[in-house]
Amino acid sequence: MKRFALIGAAGFIAPRHMKAIKDTGNDLVAALDTFDSVGIMDSFFPNADFFTEYERFDRHIDKLRRNGKPLDYVSICSPNYLHDAHIRFGLRSGADVICEKPLVLNPWNVDALKQIEAESDNK
């Protein structure tokens, strides 16, 4: 069973990501969105931790990693202009990243992501 976090839990595509995580026998352990989307999450993962503040979410993910319960994947369903920052966060957290399209808004951001990917040994 793989451990997932989801960024952008209140977005249009997020319920599809949650359903896919559940249908493949995996676990959503944490989610972030500035809007309350607990009702949607609870229908799939009632025990997942939910955050509305990025800073608390970041500390929680770091604490999981330090306590030997790291994430395997970060699923990104946030607004397009945040994809680059959220992909960086996922890679630097030691997880592989699944991101809805577009990956980034500016093509030159892909080069930086490739470098972080190589440094982190994540995809």
PDB file of N, CA and C in Angstrom:
ATOM      1  N   MET A   1       0.844  -1.177   0.000  1.00  0.00           N
ATOM      2  CA  MET A   1       0.000   0.000   0.000  1.00  0.00           C
ATOM      3  C   MET A   1       0.893   1.245   0.000  1.00  0.00           C
ATOM      4  N   LYS A   2       0.640   2.114  -0.937  1.00  0.00           N
ATOM      5  CA  LYS A   2       1.399   3.367  -1.059  1.00  0.00           C
ATOM      6  C   LYS A   2       0.705   4.473  -0.271  1.00  0.00           C
ATOM      7  N   ARG A   3       1.526   5.396   0.219  1.00  0.00           N
ATOM      8  CA  ARG A   3       1.029   6.518   1.024  1.00  0.00           C
ATOM      9  C   ARG A   3       1.029   7.791   0.180  1.00  0.00           C
ATOM     10  N   PHE A   4      -0.114   8.447   0.109  1.00  0.00           N
ATOM     11  CA  PHE A   4      -0.302   9.636  -0.722  1.00  0.00           C
ATOM     12  C   PHE A   4      -0.611  10.863   0.124  1.00  0.00           C
ATOM     13  N   ALA A   5      -0.220  12.017  -0.409  1.00  0.00           N
ATOM     14  CA  ALA A   5      -0.740  13.312   0.038  1.00  0.00           C
ATOM     15  C   ALA A   5      -1.346  13.953  -1.197  1.00  0.00           C
ATOM     16  N   LEU A   6      -2.323  14.814  -0.993  1.00  0.00           N
ATOM     17  CA  LEU A   6      -2.983  15.475  -2.107  1.00  0.00           C
ATOM     18  C   LEU A   6      -3.004  16.979  -1.848  1.00  0.00           C
ATOM     19  N   ILE A   7      -2.585  17.735  -2.837  1.00  0.00           N
ATOM     20  CA  ILE A   7      -2.614  19.195  -2.743  1.00  0.00           C
ATOM     21  C   ILE A   7      -3.671  19.695  -3.725  1.00  0.00           C
ATOM     22  N   GLY A   8      -4.636  20.437  -3.202  1.00  0.00           N
ATOM     23  CA  GLY A   8      -5.736  20.930  -4.034  1.00  0.00           C
ATOM     24  C   GLY A   8      -6.965  20.057  -3.901  1.00  0.00           C
ATOM     25  N   ALA A   9      -7.307  19.701  -2.671  1.00  0.00           N
ATOM     26  CA  ALA A   9      -8.375  18.737  -2.418  1.00  0.00           C
ATOM     27  C   ALA A   9      -9.766  19.215  -2.821  1.00  0.00           C
ATOM     28  N   ALA A  10      -9.964  20.517  -2.941  1.00  0.00           N
ATOM     29  CA  ALA A  10     -11.293  21.033  -3.285  1.00  0.00           C
ATOM     30  C   ALA A  10     -11.468  21.259  -4.784  1.00  0.00           C
ATOM     31  N   GLY A  11     -10.452  20.950  -5.557  1.00  0.00           N
ATOM     32  CA  GLY A  11     -10.508  21.187  -6.992  1.00  0.00           C
ATOM     33  C   GLY A  11     -11.432  20.229  -7.729  1.00  0.00           C
ATOM     34  N   PHE A  12     -11.717  20.556  -8.966  1.00  0.00           N
ATOM     35  CA  PHE A  12     -12.621  19.774  -9.809  1.00  0.00           C
ATOM     36  C   PHE A  12     -12.127  18.344 -10.005  1.00  0.00           C
ATOM     37  N   ILE A  13     -10.827  18.174 -10.214  1.00  0.00           N
ATOM     38  CA  ILE A  13     -10.273  16.861 -10.535  1.00  0.00           C
ATOM     39  C   ILE A  13      -9.926  16.046  -9.287  1.00  0.00           C
ATOM     40  N   ALA A  14      -9.840  16.684  -8.131  1.00  0.00           N
ATOM     41  CA  ALA A  14      -9.393  16.014  -6.906  1.00  0.00           C
ATOM     42  C   ALA A  14     -10.204  14.768  -6.540  1.00  0.00           C
ATOM     43  N   PRO A  15     -11.538  14.787  -6.627  1.00  0.00           N
ATOM     44  CA  PRO A  15     -12.276  13.558  -6.298  1.00  0.00           C
ATOM     45  C   PRO A  15     -11.890  12.375  -7.191  1.00  0.00           C
ATOM     46  N   ARG A  16     -11.526  12.647  -8.423  1.00  0.00           N
ATOM     47  CA  ARG A  16     -11.077  11.556  -9.312  1.00  0.00           C
ATOM     48  C   ARG A  16      -9.746  10.984  -8.821  1.00  0.00           C
ATOM     49  N   HIS A  17      -8.853  11.856  -8.357  1.00  0.00           N
ATOM     50  CA  HIS A  17      -7.579  11.383  -7.804  1.00  0.00           C
ATOM     51  C   HIS A  17      -7.831  10.556  -6.543  1.00  0.00           C
ATOM     52  N   MET A  18      -8.714  11.048  -5.666  1.00  0.00           N
ATOM     53  CA  MET A  18      -9.021  10.315  -4.433  1.00  0.00           C
ATOM     54  C   MET A  18      -9.617   8.948  -4.743  1.00  0.00           C
ATOM     55  N   LYS A  19     -10.527   8.900  -5.698  1.00  0.00           N
ATOM     56  CA  LYS A  19     -11.143   7.629  -6.087  1.00  0.00           C
ATOM     57  C   LYS A  19     -10.092   6.671  -6.637  1.00  0.00           C
ATOM     58  N   ALA A  20      -9.178   7.182  -7.463  1.00  0.00           N
ATOM     59  CA  ALA A  20      -8.122   6.333  -8.027  1.00  0.00           C
ATOM     60  C   ALA A  20      -7.199   5.805  -6.931  1.00  0.00           C
ATOM     61  N   ILE A  21      -6.863   6.653  -5.973  1.00  0.00           N
ATOM     62  CA  ILE A  21      -6.014   6.218  -4.858  1.00  0.00           C
ATOM     63  C   ILE A  21      -6.711   5.093  -4.098  1.00  0.00           C
ATOM     64  N   LYS A  22      -7.979   5.277  -3.808  1.00  0.00           N
ATOM     65  CA  LYS A  22      -8.745   4.263  -3.066  1.00  0.00           C
ATOM     66  C   LYS A  22      -8.930   2.990  -3.891  1.00  0.00           C
ATOM     67  N   ASP A  23      -9.304   3.136  -5.153  1.00  0.00           N
ATOM     68  CA  ASP A  23      -9.570   1.971  -6.008  1.00  0.00           C
ATOM     69  C   ASP A  23      -8.337   1.115  -6.248  1.00  0.00           C
ATOM     70  N   THR A  24      -7.155   1.692  -6.115  1.00  0.00           N
ATOM     71  CA  THR A  24      -5.917   0.931  -6.313  1.00  0.00           C
ATOM     72  C   THR A  24      -5.350   0.406  -4.997  1.00  0.00           C
ATOM     73  N   GLY A  25      -6.121   0.537  -3.911  1.00  0.00           N
ATOM     74  CA  GLY A  25      -5.720  -0.037  -2.630  1.00  0.00           C
ATOM     75  C   GLY A  25      -4.668   0.759  -1.887  1.00  0.00           C
ATOM     76  N   ASN A  26      -4.584   2.040  -2.170  1.00  0.00           N
ATOM     77  CA  ASN A  26      -3.590   2.880  -1.512  1.00  0.00           C
ATOM     78  C   ASN A  26      -4.258   3.771  -0.476  1.00  0.00           C
ATOM     79  N   ASP A  27      -3.458   4.590   0.230  1.00  0.00           N
ATOM     80  CA  ASP A  27      -3.972   5.374   1.340  1.00  0.00           C
ATOM     81  C   ASP A  27      -3.624   6.849   1.191  1.00  0.00           C
ATOM     82  N   LEU A  28      -4.612   7.698   1.338  1.00  0.00           N
ATOM     83  CA  LEU A  28      -4.391   9.140   1.393  1.00  0.00           C
ATOM     84  C   LEU A  28      -4.205   9.494   2.855  1.00  0.00           C
ATOM     85  N   VAL A  29      -3.004   9.971   3.216  1.00  0.00           N
ATOM     86  CA  VAL A  29      -2.714  10.248   4.621  1.00  0.00           C
ATOM     87  C   VAL A  29      -2.845  11.720   4.971  1.00  0.00           C
ATOM     88  N   ALA A  30      -2.731  12.617   3.977  1.00  0.00           N
ATOM     89  CA  ALA A  30      -2.825  14.051   4.247  1.00  0.00           C
ATOM     90  C   ALA A  30      -3.253  14.790   2.990  1.00  0.00           C
ATOM     91  N   ALA A  31      -3.951  15.901   3.202  1.00  0.00           N
ATOM     92  CA  ALA A  31      -4.385  16.725   2.075  1.00  0.00           C
ATOM     93  C   ALA A  31      -4.344  18.191   2.473  1.00  0.00           C
ATOM     94  N   LEU A  32      -4.183  19.030   1.451  1.00  0.00           N
ATOM     95  CA  LEU A  32      -4.104  20.475   1.640  1.00  0.00           C
ATOM     96  C   LEU A  32      -5.039  21.174   0.673  1.00  0.00           C
ATOM     97  N   ASP A  33      -5.789  22.128   1.191  1.00  0.00           N
ATOM     98  CA  ASP A  33      -6.539  23.052   0.354  1.00  0.00           C
ATOM     99  C   ASP A  33      -6.940  24.234   1.223  1.00  0.00           C
ATOM    100  N   THR A  34      -6.933  25.414   0.636  1.00  0.00           N
ATOM    101  CA  THR A  34      -7.326  26.594   1.402  1.00  0.00           C
ATOM    102  C   THR A  34      -8.823  26.607   1.663  1.00  0.00           C
ATOM    103  N   PHE A  35      -9.567  25.802   0.928  1.00  0.00           N
ATOM    104  CA  PHE A  35     -11.004  25.685   1.136  1.00  0.00           C
ATOM    105  C   PHE A  35     -11.309  24.366   1.825  1.00  0.00           C
ATOM    106  N   ASP A  36     -12.301  24.365   2.669  1.00  0.00           N
ATOM    107  CA  ASP A  36     -12.691  23.169   3.402  1.00  0.00           C
ATOM    108  C   ASP A  36     -13.302  22.151   2.442  1.00  0.00           C
ATOM    109  N   SER A  37     -12.662  21.018   2.322  1.00  0.00           N
ATOM    110  CA  SER A  37     -13.188  19.959   1.456  1.00  0.00           C
ATOM    111  C   SER A  37     -13.220  18.628   2.196  1.00  0.00           C
ATOM    112  N   VAL A  38     -13.363  18.702   3.512  1.00  0.00           N
ATOM    113  CA  VAL A  38     -13.348  17.502   4.331  1.00  0.00           C
ATOM    114  C   VAL A  38     -14.481  16.551   3.950  1.00  0.00           C
ATOM    115  N   GLY A  39     -15.639  17.066   3.610  1.00  0.00           N
ATOM    116  CA  GLY A  39     -16.757  16.203   3.236  1.00  0.00           C
ATOM    117  C   GLY A  39     -16.433  15.308   2.061  1.00  0.00           C
ATOM    118  N   ILE A  40     -15.764  15.850   1.071  1.00  0.00           N
ATOM    119  CA  ILE A  40     -15.350  15.062  -0.094  1.00  0.00           C
ATOM    120  C   ILE A  40     -14.327  14.020   0.331  1.00  0.00           C
ATOM    121  N   MET A  41     -13.328  14.453   1.090  1.00  0.00           N
ATOM    122  CA  MET A  41     -12.274  13.534   1.533  1.00  0.00           C
ATOM    123  C   MET A  41     -12.824  12.424   2.408  1.00  0.00           C
ATOM    124  N   ASP A  42     -13.721  12.787   3.331  1.00  0.00           N
ATOM    125  CA  ASP A  42     -14.256  11.793   4.257  1.00  0.00           C
ATOM    126  C   ASP A  42     -14.969  10.651   3.554  1.00  0.00           C
ATOM    127  N   SER A  43     -15.538  10.919   2.393  1.00  0.00           N
ATOM    128  CA  SER A  43     -16.219   9.850   1.667  1.00  0.00           C
ATOM    129  C   SER A  43     -15.227   8.823   1.118  1.00  0.00           C
ATOM    130  N   PHE A  44     -13.972   9.226   0.979  1.00  0.00           N
ATOM    131  CA  PHE A  44     -12.936   8.304   0.495  1.00  0.00           C
ATOM    132  C   PHE A  44     -11.968   7.893   1.606  1.00  0.00           C
ATOM    133  N   PHE A  45     -11.490   8.858   2.387  1.00  0.00           N
ATOM    134  CA  PHE A  45     -10.451   8.624   3.393  1.00  0.00           C
ATOM    135  C   PHE A  45     -10.775   9.386   4.681  1.00  0.00           C
ATOM    136  N   PRO A  46     -11.653   8.842   5.518  1.00  0.00           N
ATOM    137  CA  PRO A  46     -12.068   9.566   6.721  1.00  0.00           C
ATOM    138  C   PRO A  46     -10.951   9.802   7.732  1.00  0.00           C
ATOM    139  N   ASN A  47      -9.865   9.053   7.657  1.00  0.00           N
ATOM    140  CA  ASN A  47      -8.774   9.211   8.620  1.00  0.00           C
ATOM    141  C   ASN A  47      -7.640  10.094   8.118  1.00  0.00           C
ATOM    142  N   ALA A  48      -7.754  10.632   6.935  1.00  0.00           N
ATOM    143  CA  ALA A  48      -6.693  11.495   6.389  1.00  0.00           C
ATOM    144  C   ALA A  48      -6.658  12.817   7.146  1.00  0.00           C
ATOM    145  N   ASP A  49      -5.456  13.321   7.359  1.00  0.00           N
ATOM    146  CA  ASP A  49      -5.285  14.629   7.987  1.00  0.00           C
ATOM    147  C   ASP A  49      -5.499  15.707   6.933  1.00  0.00           C
ATOM    148  N   PHE A  50      -6.251  16.747   7.297  1.00  0.00           N
ATOM    149  CA  PHE A  50      -6.569  17.812   6.352  1.00  0.00           C
ATOM    150  C   PHE A  50      -6.045  19.142   6.863  1.00  0.00           C
ATOM    151  N   PHE A  51      -5.422  19.908   5.962  1.00  0.00           N
ATOM    152  CA  PHE A  51      -4.829  21.193   6.315  1.00  0.00           C
ATOM    153  C   PHE A  51      -5.322  22.278   5.366  1.00  0.00           C
ATOM    154  N   THR A  52      -5.545  23.457   5.926  1.00  0.00           N
ATOM    155  CA  THR A  52      -5.894  24.619   5.107  1.00  0.00           C
ATOM    156  C   THR A  52      -4.729  25.595   5.019  1.00  0.00           C
ATOM    157  N   GLU A  53      -3.665  25.340   5.779  1.00  0.00           N
ATOM    158  CA  GLU A  53      -2.484  26.204   5.775  1.00  0.00           C
ATOM    159  C   GLU A  53      -1.275  25.413   5.293  1.00  0.00           C
ATOM    160  N   TYR A  54      -0.617  25.936   4.265  1.00  0.00           N
ATOM    161  CA  TYR A  54       0.536  25.248   3.673  1.00  0.00           C
ATOM    162  C   TYR A  54       1.624  24.978   4.710  1.00  0.00           C
ATOM    163  N   GLU A  55       1.896  25.940   5.584  1.00  0.00           N
ATOM    164  CA  GLU A  55       2.986  25.794   6.556  1.00  0.00           C
ATOM    165  C   GLU A  55       2.751  24.608   7.490  1.00  0.00           C
ATOM    166  N   ARG A  56       1.536  24.429   7.927  1.00  0.00           N
ATOM    167  CA  ARG A  56       1.231  23.286   8.804  1.00  0.00           C
ATOM    168  C   ARG A  56       1.303  21.969   8.034  1.00  0.00           C
ATOM    169  N   PHE A  57       0.833  21.991   6.817  1.00  0.00           N
ATOM    170  CA  PHE A  57       0.916  20.810   5.950  1.00  0.00           C
ATOM    171  C   PHE A  57       2.379  20.422   5.741  1.00  0.00           C
ATOM    172  N   ASP A  58       3.224  21.396   5.431  1.00  0.00           N
ATOM    173  CA  ASP A  58       4.656  21.172   5.217  1.00  0.00           C
ATOM    174  C   ASP A  58       5.286  20.536   6.458  1.00  0.00           C
ATOM    175  N   ARG A  59       5.007  21.093   7.631  1.00  0.00           N
ATOM    176  CA  ARG A  59       5.573  20.543   8.871  1.00  0.00           C
ATOM    177  C   ARG A  59       5.072  19.121   9.119  1.00  0.00           C
ATOM    178  N   HIS A  60       3.812  18.874   8.825  1.00  0.00           N
ATOM    179  CA  HIS A  60       3.245  17.538   9.026  1.00  0.00           C
ATOM    180  C   HIS A  60       3.922  16.510   8.118  1.00  0.00           C
ATOM    181  N   ILE A  61       4.100  16.855   6.861  1.00  0.00           N
ATOM    182  CA  ILE A  61       4.745  15.937   5.913  1.00  0.00           C
ATOM    183  C   ILE A  61       6.186  15.670   6.335  1.00  0.00           C
ATOM    184  N   ASP A  62       6.880  16.704   6.792  1.00  0.00           N
ATOM    185  CA  ASP A  62       8.254  16.539   7.276  1.00  0.00           C
ATOM    186  C   ASP A  62       8.285  15.646   8.512  1.00  0.00           C
ATOM    187  N   LYS A  63       7.337  15.823   9.408  1.00  0.00           N
ATOM    188  CA  LYS A  63       7.265  14.995  10.614  1.00  0.00           C
ATOM    189  C   LYS A  63       7.014  13.527  10.257  1.00  0.00           C
ATOM    190  N   LEU A  64       6.132  13.282   9.302  1.00  0.00           N
ATOM    191  CA  LEU A  64       5.896  11.909   8.851  1.00  0.00           C
ATOM    192  C   LEU A  64       7.190  11.279   8.341  1.00  0.00           C
ATOM    193  N   ARG A  65       7.930  12.035   7.528  1.00  0.00           N
ATOM    194  CA  ARG A  65       9.193  11.531   6.970  1.00  0.00           C
ATOM    195  C   ARG A  65      10.192  11.215   8.082  1.00  0.00           C
ATOM    196  N   ARG A  66      10.347  12.129   9.039  1.00  0.00           N
ATOM    197  CA  ARG A  66      11.302  11.933  10.130  1.00  0.00           C
ATOM    198  C   ARG A  66      10.893  10.792  11.056  1.00  0.00           C
ATOM    199  N   ASN A  67       9.608  10.488  11.135  1.00  0.00           N
ATOM    200  CA  ASN A  67       9.126   9.400  11.987  1.00  0.00           C
ATOM    201  C   ASN A  67       9.048   8.060  11.260  1.00  0.00           C
ATOM    202  N   GLY A  68       9.656   7.992  10.081  1.00  0.00           N
ATOM    203  CA  GLY A  68       9.715   6.729   9.352  1.00  0.00           C
ATOM    204  C   GLY A  68       8.446   6.361   8.607  1.00  0.00           C
ATOM    205  N   LYS A  69       7.574   7.345   8.365  1.00  0.00           N
ATOM    206  CA  LYS A  69       6.342   7.100   7.615  1.00  0.00           C
ATOM    207  C   LYS A  69       6.256   8.071   6.441  1.00  0.00           C
ATOM    208  N   PRO A  70       7.244   8.036   5.559  1.00  0.00           N
ATOM    209  CA  PRO A  70       7.280   9.020   4.467  1.00  0.00           C
ATOM    210  C   PRO A  70       6.182   8.771   3.435  1.00  0.00           C
ATOM    211  N   LEU A  71       5.931   9.801   2.664  1.00  0.00           N
ATOM    212  CA  LEU A  71       4.996   9.684   1.549  1.00  0.00           C
ATOM    213  C   LEU A  71       5.652   8.939   0.402  1.00  0.00           C
ATOM    214  N   ASP A  72       4.862   8.217  -0.347  1.00  0.00           N
ATOM    215  CA  ASP A  72       5.333   7.630  -1.595  1.00  0.00           C
ATOM    216  C   ASP A  72       5.019   8.562  -2.759  1.00  0.00           C
ATOM    217  N   TYR A  73       3.862   9.227  -2.690  1.00  0.00           N
ATOM    218  CA  TYR A  73       3.417  10.097  -3.781  1.00  0.00           C
ATOM    219  C   TYR A  73       2.749  11.357  -3.245  1.00  0.00           C
ATOM    220  N   VAL A  74       2.909  12.443  -3.989  1.00  0.00           N
ATOM    221  CA  VAL A  74       2.117  13.652  -3.788  1.00  0.00           C
ATOM    222  C   VAL A  74       1.322  13.852  -5.072  1.00  0.00           C
ATOM    223  N   SER A  75       0.022  13.924  -4.932  1.00  0.00           N
ATOM    224  CA  SER A  75      -0.870  14.144  -6.066  1.00  0.00           C
ATOM    225  C   SER A  75      -1.273  15.614  -6.069  1.00  0.00           C
ATOM    226  N   ILE A  76      -1.040  16.292  -7.192  1.00  0.00           N
ATOM    227  CA  ILE A  76      -1.247  17.734  -7.266  1.00  0.00           C
ATOM    228  C   ILE A  76      -2.453  18.062  -8.142  1.00  0.00           C
ATOM    229  N   CYS A  77      -3.438  18.700  -7.506  1.00  0.00           N
ATOM    230  CA  CYS A  77      -4.675  19.113  -8.179  1.00  0.00           C
ATOM    231  C   CYS A  77      -4.949  20.591  -7.921  1.00  0.00           C
ATOM    232  N   SER A  78      -3.918  21.330  -7.648  1.00  0.00           N
ATOM    233  CA  SER A  78      -4.038  22.750  -7.304  1.00  0.00           C
ATOM    234  C   SER A  78      -4.184  23.597  -8.570  1.00  0.00           C
ATOM    235  N   PRO A  79      -4.465  24.898  -8.412  1.00  0.00           N
ATOM    236  CA  PRO A  79      -4.520  25.774  -9.588  1.00  0.00           C
ATOM    237  C   PRO A  79      -3.208  25.728 -10.381  1.00  0.00           C
ATOM    238  N   ASN A  80      -3.320  25.869 -11.688  1.00  0.00           N
ATOM    239  CA  ASN A  80      -2.167  25.699 -12.589  1.00  0.00           C
ATOM    240  C   ASN A  80      -0.948  26.512 -12.189  1.00  0.00           C
ATOM    241  N   TYR A  81      -1.145  27.747 -11.761  1.00  0.00           N
ATOM    242  CA  TYR A  81      -0.001  28.605 -11.458  1.00  0.00           C
ATOM    243  C   TYR A  81       0.779  28.134 -10.227  1.00  0.00           C
ATOM    244  N   LEU A  82       0.223  27.204  -9.450  1.00  0.00           N
ATOM    245  CA  LEU A  82       0.906  26.670  -8.271  1.00  0.00           C
ATOM    246  C   LEU A  82       1.600  25.332  -8.532  1.00  0.00           C
ATOM    247  N   HIS A  83       1.392  24.745  -9.683  1.00  0.00           N
ATOM    248  CA  HIS A  83       1.949  23.421  -9.964  1.00  0.00           C
ATOM    249  C   HIS A  83       3.454  23.360  -9.757  1.00  0.00           C
ATOM    250  N   ASP A  84       4.186  24.321 -10.285  1.00  0.00           N
ATOM    251  CA  ASP A  84       5.647  24.305 -10.180  1.00  0.00           C
ATOM    252  C   ASP A  84       6.085  24.238  -8.716  1.00  0.00           C
ATOM    253  N   ALA A  85       5.563  25.110  -7.881  1.00  0.00           N
ATOM    254  CA  ALA A  85       5.941  25.131  -6.462  1.00  0.00           C
ATOM    255  C   ALA A  85       5.534  23.842  -5.756  1.00  0.00           C
ATOM    256  N   HIS A  86       4.376  23.310  -6.085  1.00  0.00           N
ATOM    257  CA  HIS A  86       3.914  22.097  -5.423  1.00  0.00           C
ATOM    258  C   HIS A  86       4.684  20.863  -5.890  1.00  0.00           C
ATOM    259  N   ILE A  87       5.088  20.834  -7.145  1.00  0.00           N
ATOM    260  CA  ILE A  87       5.940  19.736  -7.622  1.00  0.00           C
ATOM    261  C   ILE A  87       7.273  19.776  -6.890  1.00  0.00           C
ATOM    262  N   ARG A  88       7.845  20.959  -6.759  1.00  0.00           N
ATOM    263  CA  ARG A  88       9.113  21.111  -6.025  1.00  0.00           C
ATOM    264  C   ARG A  88       8.965  20.603  -4.592  1.00  0.00           C
ATOM    265  N   PHE A  89       7.873  20.987  -3.952  1.00  0.00           N
ATOM    266  CA  PHE A  89       7.617  20.536  -2.585  1.00  0.00           C
ATOM    267  C   PHE A  89       7.586  19.009  -2.518  1.00  0.00           C
ATOM    268  N   GLY A  90       6.831  18.382  -3.407  1.00  0.00           N
ATOM    269  CA  GLY A  90       6.716  16.929  -3.397  1.00  0.00           C
ATOM    270  C   GLY A  90       8.048  16.232  -3.591  1.00  0.00           C
ATOM    271  N   LEU A  91       8.811  16.673  -4.577  1.00  0.00           N
ATOM    272  CA  LEU A  91      10.112  16.063  -4.840  1.00  0.00           C
ATOM    273  C   LEU A  91      11.052  16.235  -3.656  1.00  0.00           C
ATOM    274  N   ARG A  92      11.085  17.441  -3.100  1.00  0.00           N
ATOM    275  CA  ARG A  92      11.976  17.715  -1.962  1.00  0.00           C
ATOM    276  C   ARG A  92      11.517  17.011  -0.688  1.00  0.00           C
ATOM    277  N   SER A  93      10.273  16.577  -0.659  1.00  0.00           N
ATOM    278  CA  SER A  93       9.759  15.824   0.486  1.00  0.00           C
ATOM    279  C   SER A  93      10.082  14.343   0.369  1.00  0.00           C
ATOM    280  N   GLY A  94      10.720  13.945  -0.723  1.00  0.00           N
ATOM    281  CA  GLY A  94      11.107  12.557  -0.907  1.00  0.00           C
ATOM    282  C   GLY A  94      10.049  11.696  -1.562  1.00  0.00           C
ATOM    283  N   ALA A  95       9.084  12.329  -2.213  1.00  0.00           N
ATOM    284  CA  ALA A  95       7.998  11.576  -2.847  1.00  0.00           C
ATOM    285  C   ALA A  95       8.053  11.721  -4.361  1.00  0.00           C
ATOM    286  N   ASP A  96       7.484  10.754  -5.050  1.00  0.00           N
ATOM    287  CA  ASP A  96       7.226  10.916  -6.471  1.00  0.00           C
ATOM    288  C   ASP A  96       5.974  11.783  -6.594  1.00  0.00           C
ATOM    289  N   VAL A  97       5.825  12.464  -7.722  1.00  0.00           N
ATOM    290  CA  VAL A  97       4.745  13.434  -7.875  1.00  0.00           C
ATOM    291  C   VAL A  97       3.871  13.088  -9.076  1.00  0.00           C
ATOM    292  N   ILE A  98       2.563  13.157  -8.866  1.00  0.00           N
ATOM    293  CA  ILE A  98       1.581  13.027  -9.936  1.00  0.00           C
ATOM    294  C   ILE A  98       0.905  14.386 -10.039  1.00  0.00           C
ATOM    295  N   CYS A  99       0.956  14.994 -11.223  1.00  0.00           N
ATOM    296  CA  CYS A  99       0.414  16.340 -11.380  1.00  0.00           C
ATOM    297  C   CYS A  99      -0.537  16.391 -12.564  1.00  0.00           C
ATOM    298  N   GLU A 100      -1.698  17.024 -12.339  1.00  0.00           N
ATOM    299  CA  GLU A 100      -2.610  17.250 -13.451  1.00  0.00           C
ATOM    300  C   GLU A 100      -1.959  18.222 -14.432  1.00  0.00           C
ATOM    301  N   LYS A 101      -2.465  18.282 -15.632  1.00  0.00           N
ATOM    302  CA  LYS A 101      -1.893  19.186 -16.624  1.00  0.00           C
ATOM    303  C   LYS A 101      -2.461  20.587 -16.474  1.00  0.00           C
ATOM    304  N   PRO A 102      -1.744  21.582 -16.880  1.00  0.00           N
ATOM    305  CA  PRO A 102      -0.375  21.575 -17.394  1.00  0.00           C
ATOM    306  C   PRO A 102       0.623  21.393 -16.251  1.00  0.00           C
ATOM    307  N   LEU A 103       1.715  20.753 -16.554  1.00  0.00           N
ATOM    308  CA  LEU A 103       2.747  20.524 -15.550  1.00  0.00           C
ATOM    309  C   LEU A 103       3.239  21.852 -14.987  1.00  0.00           C
ATOM    310  N   VAL A 104       3.620  22.757 -15.862  1.00  0.00           N
ATOM    311  CA  VAL A 104       4.044  24.114 -15.483  1.00  0.00           C
ATOM    312  C   VAL A 104       3.521  25.089 -16.531  1.00  0.00           C
ATOM    313  N   LEU A 105       3.510  26.363 -16.185  1.00  0.00           N
ATOM    314  CA  LEU A 105       3.044  27.375 -17.136  1.00  0.00           C
ATOM    315  C   LEU A 105       4.150  27.853 -18.065  1.00  0.00           C
ATOM    316  N   ASN A 106       5.387  27.844 -17.566  1.00  0.00           N
ATOM    317  CA  ASN A 106       6.529  28.331 -18.345  1.00  0.00           C
ATOM    318  C   ASN A 106       7.472  27.181 -18.666  1.00  0.00           C
ATOM    319  N   PRO A 107       7.823  26.986 -19.926  1.00  0.00           N
ATOM    320  CA  PRO A 107       8.659  25.848 -20.314  1.00  0.00           C
ATOM    321  C   PRO A 107      10.004  25.801 -19.599  1.00  0.00           C
ATOM    322  N   TRP A 108      10.559  26.964 -19.252  1.00  0.00           N
ATOM    323  CA  TRP A 108      11.875  26.968 -18.609  1.00  0.00           C
ATOM    324  C   TRP A 108      11.819  26.389 -17.198  1.00  0.00           C
ATOM    325  N   ASN A 109      10.642  26.305 -16.603  1.00  0.00           N
ATOM    326  CA  ASN A 109      10.522  25.700 -15.279  1.00  0.00           C
ATOM    327  C   ASN A 109      10.768  24.194 -15.316  1.00  0.00           C
ATOM    328  N   VAL A 110      10.574  23.586 -16.471  1.00  0.00           N
ATOM    329  CA  VAL A 110      10.787  22.146 -16.595  1.00  0.00           C
ATOM    330  C   VAL A 110      12.252  21.795 -16.349  1.00  0.00           C
ATOM    331  N   ASP A 111      13.171  22.624 -16.821  1.00  0.00           N
ATOM    332  CA  ASP A 111      14.597  22.357 -16.609  1.00  0.00           C
ATOM    333  C   ASP A 111      14.940  22.327 -15.123  1.00  0.00           C
ATOM    334  N   ALA A 112      14.413  23.272 -14.363  1.00  0.00           N
ATOM    335  CA  ALA A 112      14.666  23.297 -12.923  1.00  0.00           C
ATOM    336  C   ALA A 112      14.056  22.068 -12.248  1.00  0.00           C
ATOM    337  N   LEU A 113      12.869  21.672 -12.690  1.00  0.00           N
ATOM    338  CA  LEU A 113      12.243  20.483 -12.116  1.00  0.00           C
ATOM    339  C   LEU A 113      13.058  19.229 -12.414  1.00  0.00           C
ATOM    340  N   LYS A 114      13.626  19.153 -13.609  1.00  0.00           N
ATOM    341  CA  LYS A 114      14.487  18.012 -13.953  1.00  0.00           C
ATOM    342  C   LYS A 114      15.680  17.945 -13.014  1.00  0.00           C
ATOM    343  N   GLN A 115      16.251  19.091 -12.698  1.00  0.00           N
ATOM    344  CA  GLN A 115      17.406  19.137 -11.801  1.00  0.00           C
ATOM    345  C   GLN A 115      17.011  18.689 -10.384  1.00  0.00           C
ATOM    346  N   ILE A 116      15.897  19.176  -9.888  1.00  0.00           N
ATOM    347  CA  ILE A 116      15.426  18.769  -8.562  1.00  0.00           C
ATOM    348  C   ILE A 116      15.089  17.282  -8.554  1.00  0.00           C
ATOM    349  N   GLU A 117      14.518  16.809  -9.637  1.00  0.00           N
ATOM    350  CA  GLU A 117      14.204  15.389  -9.779  1.00  0.00           C
ATOM    351  C   GLU A 117      15.478  14.551  -9.657  1.00  0.00           C
ATOM    352  N   ALA A 118      16.539  14.965 -10.337  1.00  0.00           N
ATOM    353  CA  ALA A 118      17.809  14.239 -10.285  1.00  0.00           C
ATOM    354  C   ALA A 118      18.421  14.294  -8.885  1.00  0.00           C
ATOM    355  N   GLU A 119      18.358  15.454  -8.254  1.00  0.00           N
ATOM    356  CA  GLU A 119      18.925  15.620  -6.910  1.00  0.00           C
ATOM    357  C   GLU A 119      18.160  14.814  -5.867  1.00  0.00           C
ATOM    358  N   SER A 120      16.863  14.714  -6.022  1.00  0.00           N
ATOM    359  CA  SER A 120      16.029  14.044  -5.022  1.00  0.00           C
ATOM    360  C   SER A 120      15.855  12.554  -5.291  1.00  0.00           C
ATOM    361  N   ASP A 121      16.205  12.116  -6.489  1.00  0.00           N
ATOM    362  CA  ASP A 121      16.006  10.727  -6.915  1.00  0.00           C
ATOM    363  C   ASP A 121      14.522  10.343  -6.897  1.00  0.00           C
ATOM    364  N   ASN A 122      13.676  11.334  -7.159  1.00  0.00           N
ATOM    365  CA  ASN A 122      12.238  11.103  -7.270  1.00  0.00           C
ATOM    366  C   ASN A 122      11.769  11.566  -8.632  1.00  0.00           C
ATOM    367  N   LYS A 123      10.555  11.178  -9.001  1.00  0.00           N
ATOM    368  CA  LYS A 123      10.018  11.520 -10.317  1.00  0.00           C
ATOM    369  C   LYS A 123       8.716  12.269 -10.178  1.00  0.00           C
TER     370      LYS A 123
END
